[in-house]
Amino acid sequence: MHELSVVQRIVETVCEAMANEPPCRVTVVHVRIGAMAGVVPEALLFAFDAAADGTEVAGATLEIETVDGVVWCETCCAERTLPSIQRLRCPACDGPTPHVVRGRELEISAVEVTDATENRAGAAAGAQEE
């Protein structure tokens, strides 16, 4: 399952990016995964908590946006969404479509954070009230 190494790299990348930022807590990591990226989104979700454990990303949620495979058909002179990545042929004219426009993405698109001091103050206040 190479998805574990992929999600570990996602966590490492977020941690590296957050090292230069003011203290904060990562709440959500957004990634875009193309249909042709060779990654199973469900496997990334399954492995995310284990990869994030003990890092600045621990407790965050992984949100995945899937991107359809889209090709350029020279015969139709148009972009076409592939019904399946198993067949690189235009769904309209059935011509070969080797020019992939979208669908290979595997990228971190956004990271949501909250102020670390707000979280600590809120947790401390909640503990004092009990």
C-alpha atoms as a PDB file:
ATOM      1  CA  MET A   1       0.000   0.000   0.000  1.00  0.00           C
ATOM      2  CA  HIS A   2       2.009   2.969  -1.271  1.00  0.00           C
ATOM      3  CA  GLU A   3      -0.738   5.286  -0.025  1.00  0.00           C
ATOM      4  CA  LEU A   4       0.865   5.159   3.431  1.00  0.00           C
ATOM      5  CA  SER A   5       4.085   6.667   2.066  1.00  0.00           C
ATOM      6  CA  VAL A   6       2.039   9.228   0.091  1.00  0.00           C
ATOM      7  CA  VAL A   7       0.096  10.334   3.169  1.00  0.00           C
ATOM      8  CA  GLN A   8       3.310  10.405   5.229  1.00  0.00           C
ATOM      9  CA  ARG A   9       4.785  12.808   2.669  1.00  0.00           C
ATOM     10  CA  ILE A  10       1.634  14.952   2.823  1.00  0.00           C
ATOM     11  CA  VAL A  11       1.982  15.186   6.608  1.00  0.00           C
ATOM     12  CA  GLU A  12       5.725  15.970   6.323  1.00  0.00           C
ATOM     13  CA  THR A  13       5.055  18.699   3.757  1.00  0.00           C
ATOM     14  CA  VAL A  14       2.401  20.342   5.936  1.00  0.00           C
ATOM     15  CA  CYS A  15       4.677  20.150   8.997  1.00  0.00           C
ATOM     16  CA  GLU A  16       7.559  21.719   7.038  1.00  0.00           C
ATOM     17  CA  ALA A  17       5.302  24.531   5.822  1.00  0.00           C
ATOM     18  CA  MET A  18       3.945  25.185   9.308  1.00  0.00           C
ATOM     19  CA  ALA A  19       7.447  25.392  10.840  1.00  0.00           C
ATOM     20  CA  ASN A  20       7.816  28.967   9.549  1.00  0.00           C
ATOM     21  CA  GLU A  21       4.373  30.100  10.684  1.00  0.00           C
ATOM     22  CA  PRO A  22       3.201  31.504  14.039  1.00  0.00           C
ATOM     23  CA  PRO A  23       2.049  28.826  16.509  1.00  0.00           C
ATOM     24  CA  CYS A  24      -1.191  27.318  15.283  1.00  0.00           C
ATOM     25  CA  ARG A  25      -3.054  24.034  15.131  1.00  0.00           C
ATOM     26  CA  VAL A  26      -3.790  22.320  11.831  1.00  0.00           C
ATOM     27  CA  THR A  27      -7.473  21.403  11.670  1.00  0.00           C
ATOM     28  CA  VAL A  28      -7.984  20.327   8.046  1.00  0.00           C
ATOM     29  CA  VAL A  29      -5.655  19.318   5.219  1.00  0.00           C
ATOM     30  CA  HIS A  30      -7.241  19.561   1.756  1.00  0.00           C
ATOM     31  CA  VAL A  31      -5.796  17.492  -1.083  1.00  0.00           C
ATOM     32  CA  ARG A  32      -6.747  17.065  -4.734  1.00  0.00           C
ATOM     33  CA  ILE A  33      -6.347  13.627  -6.248  1.00  0.00           C
ATOM     34  CA  GLY A  34      -6.794  12.953  -9.942  1.00  0.00           C
ATOM     35  CA  ALA A  35      -8.411   9.803 -11.256  1.00  0.00           C
ATOM     36  CA  MET A  36      -5.110   8.966 -12.995  1.00  0.00           C
ATOM     37  CA  ALA A  37      -2.841   9.655 -10.006  1.00  0.00           C
ATOM     38  CA  GLY A  38      -2.687   5.989  -9.061  1.00  0.00           C
ATOM     39  CA  VAL A  39      -3.777   6.675  -5.480  1.00  0.00           C
ATOM     40  CA  VAL A  40      -6.827   5.252  -3.722  1.00  0.00           C
ATOM     41  CA  PRO A  41      -8.476   8.094  -1.746  1.00  0.00           C
ATOM     42  CA  GLU A  42     -10.028   5.709   0.790  1.00  0.00           C
ATOM     43  CA  ALA A  43      -6.590   4.269   1.580  1.00  0.00           C
ATOM     44  CA  LEU A  44      -5.231   7.783   2.205  1.00  0.00           C
ATOM     45  CA  LEU A  45      -8.086   8.492   4.592  1.00  0.00           C
ATOM     46  CA  PHE A  46      -7.452   5.200   6.377  1.00  0.00           C
ATOM     47  CA  ALA A  47      -3.724   5.908   6.830  1.00  0.00           C
ATOM     48  CA  PHE A  48      -3.942   9.630   7.632  1.00  0.00           C
ATOM     49  CA  ASP A  49      -4.431   9.427  11.407  1.00  0.00           C
ATOM     50  CA  ALA A  50      -1.538   6.991  11.809  1.00  0.00           C
ATOM     51  CA  ALA A  51       0.761   9.163   9.684  1.00  0.00           C
ATOM     52  CA  ALA A  52      -0.251  12.337  11.538  1.00  0.00           C
ATOM     53  CA  ASP A  53       0.088  10.846  15.037  1.00  0.00           C
ATOM     54  CA  GLY A  54       2.750  12.676  17.042  1.00  0.00           C
ATOM     55  CA  THR A  55       3.062  15.542  14.549  1.00  0.00           C
ATOM     56  CA  GLU A  56       1.653  19.064  14.304  1.00  0.00           C
ATOM     57  CA  VAL A  57      -1.049  17.580  12.072  1.00  0.00           C
ATOM     58  CA  ALA A  58      -2.349  15.130  14.707  1.00  0.00           C
ATOM     59  CA  GLY A  59      -6.094  15.490  15.181  1.00  0.00           C
ATOM     60  CA  ALA A  60      -6.613  17.183  11.818  1.00  0.00           C
ATOM     61  CA  THR A  61      -9.044  15.966   9.187  1.00  0.00           C
ATOM     62  CA  LEU A  62      -8.031  14.978   5.660  1.00  0.00           C
ATOM     63  CA  GLU A  63     -10.460  16.315   3.042  1.00  0.00           C
ATOM     64  CA  ILE A  64     -10.080  14.843  -0.435  1.00  0.00           C
ATOM     65  CA  GLU A  65     -11.321  16.386  -3.668  1.00  0.00           C
ATOM     66  CA  THR A  66     -11.271  13.939  -6.558  1.00  0.00           C
ATOM     67  CA  VAL A  67     -10.536  15.227 -10.051  1.00  0.00           C
ATOM     68  CA  ASP A  68     -11.968  13.453 -13.092  1.00  0.00           C
ATOM     69  CA  GLY A  69      -9.750  12.404 -15.957  1.00  0.00           C
ATOM     70  CA  VAL A  70     -10.127  14.987 -18.709  1.00  0.00           C
ATOM     71  CA  VAL A  71      -8.514  14.719 -22.136  1.00  0.00           C
ATOM     72  CA  TRP A  72      -8.255  16.909 -25.225  1.00  0.00           C
ATOM     73  CA  CYS A  73      -9.807  15.337 -28.301  1.00  0.00           C
ATOM     74  CA  GLU A  74      -8.144  16.617 -31.468  1.00  0.00           C
ATOM     75  CA  THR A  75     -10.973  15.256 -33.614  1.00  0.00           C
ATOM     76  CA  CYS A  76     -13.713  17.089 -31.672  1.00  0.00           C
ATOM     77  CA  CYS A  77     -11.443  20.041 -30.754  1.00  0.00           C
ATOM     78  CA  ALA A  78     -12.830  19.831 -27.227  1.00  0.00           C
ATOM     79  CA  GLU A  79     -12.022  18.699 -23.708  1.00  0.00           C
ATOM     80  CA  ARG A  80     -13.806  15.488 -22.786  1.00  0.00           C
ATOM     81  CA  THR A  81     -14.286  13.877 -19.378  1.00  0.00           C
ATOM     82  CA  LEU A  82     -13.395  10.221 -19.489  1.00  0.00           C
ATOM     83  CA  PRO A  83     -16.019   7.842 -18.135  1.00  0.00           C
ATOM     84  CA  SER A  84     -13.162   5.497 -17.183  1.00  0.00           C
ATOM     85  CA  ILE A  85      -9.412   5.946 -16.991  1.00  0.00           C
ATOM     86  CA  GLN A  86      -9.011   2.449 -18.447  1.00  0.00           C
ATOM     87  CA  ARG A  87      -9.730   3.727 -21.951  1.00  0.00           C
ATOM     88  CA  LEU A  88      -8.081   6.854 -23.385  1.00  0.00           C
ATOM     89  CA  ARG A  89     -10.623   7.358 -26.156  1.00  0.00           C
ATOM     90  CA  CYS A  90     -13.008  10.248 -26.646  1.00  0.00           C
ATOM     91  CA  PRO A  91     -16.433   9.383 -25.253  1.00  0.00           C
ATOM     92  CA  ALA A  92     -18.059  11.431 -28.062  1.00  0.00           C
ATOM     93  CA  CYS A  93     -16.250  10.299 -31.232  1.00  0.00           C
ATOM     94  CA  ASP A  94     -14.276   7.279 -29.931  1.00  0.00           C
ATOM     95  CA  GLY A  95     -11.041   8.738 -31.292  1.00  0.00           C
ATOM     96  CA  PRO A  96      -7.753   8.240 -29.421  1.00  0.00           C
ATOM     97  CA  THR A  97      -7.104  10.948 -26.822  1.00  0.00           C
ATOM     98  CA  PRO A  98      -3.525  10.795 -25.508  1.00  0.00           C
ATOM     99  CA  HIS A  99      -3.478  14.450 -24.350  1.00  0.00           C
ATOM    100  CA  VAL A 100      -4.429  14.424 -20.660  1.00  0.00           C
ATOM    101  CA  VAL A 101      -5.610  17.842 -19.439  1.00  0.00           C
ATOM    102  CA  ARG A 102      -6.620  16.967 -15.856  1.00  0.00           C
ATOM    103  CA  GLY A 103      -6.653  13.907 -13.683  1.00  0.00           C
ATOM    104  CA  ARG A 104      -3.018  13.363 -12.698  1.00  0.00           C
ATOM    105  CA  GLU A 105      -3.118  15.746  -9.715  1.00  0.00           C
ATOM    106  CA  LEU A 106      -1.858  14.755  -6.308  1.00  0.00           C
ATOM    107  CA  GLU A 107      -1.493  18.015  -4.440  1.00  0.00           C
ATOM    108  CA  ILE A 108      -2.137  19.736  -1.166  1.00  0.00           C
ATOM    109  CA  SER A 109      -4.606  22.447  -2.116  1.00  0.00           C
ATOM    110  CA  ALA A 110      -5.143  24.097   1.297  1.00  0.00           C
ATOM    111  CA  VAL A 111      -4.464  23.793   5.000  1.00  0.00           C
ATOM    112  CA  GLU A 112      -6.905  25.125   7.588  1.00  0.00           C
ATOM    113  CA  VAL A 113      -5.485  26.227  10.930  1.00  0.00           C
ATOM    114  CA  THR A 114      -6.630  27.803  14.173  1.00  0.00           C
ATOM    115  CA  ASP A 115      -4.672  29.989  16.552  1.00  0.00           C
ATOM    116  CA  ALA A 116      -2.880  27.704  19.010  1.00  0.00           C
ATOM    117  CA  THR A 117      -3.272  30.178  21.883  1.00  0.00           C
ATOM    118  CA  GLU A 118      -7.070  30.280  21.437  1.00  0.00           C
ATOM    119  CA  ASN A 119      -7.274  26.489  21.668  1.00  0.00           C
ATOM    120  CA  ARG A 120      -5.094  26.333  24.778  1.00  0.00           C
ATOM    121  CA  ALA A 121      -7.016  29.159  26.486  1.00  0.00           C
ATOM    122  CA  GLY A 122     -10.340  27.501  25.678  1.00  0.00           C
ATOM    123  CA  ALA A 123      -9.135  24.123  26.961  1.00  0.00           C
ATOM    124  CA  ALA A 124      -7.801  25.681  30.160  1.00  0.00           C
ATOM    125  CA  ALA A 125     -11.040  27.574  30.765  1.00  0.00           C
ATOM    126  CA  GLY A 126     -13.033  24.399  30.195  1.00  0.00           C
ATOM    127  CA  ALA A 127     -10.862  22.491  32.677  1.00  0.00           C
ATOM    128  CA  GLN A 128     -11.289  25.227  35.328  1.00  0.00           C
ATOM    129  CA  GLU A 129     -15.082  25.169  35.021  1.00  0.00           C
ATOM    130  CA  GLU A 130     -15.289  21.450  35.882  1.00  0.00           C
END
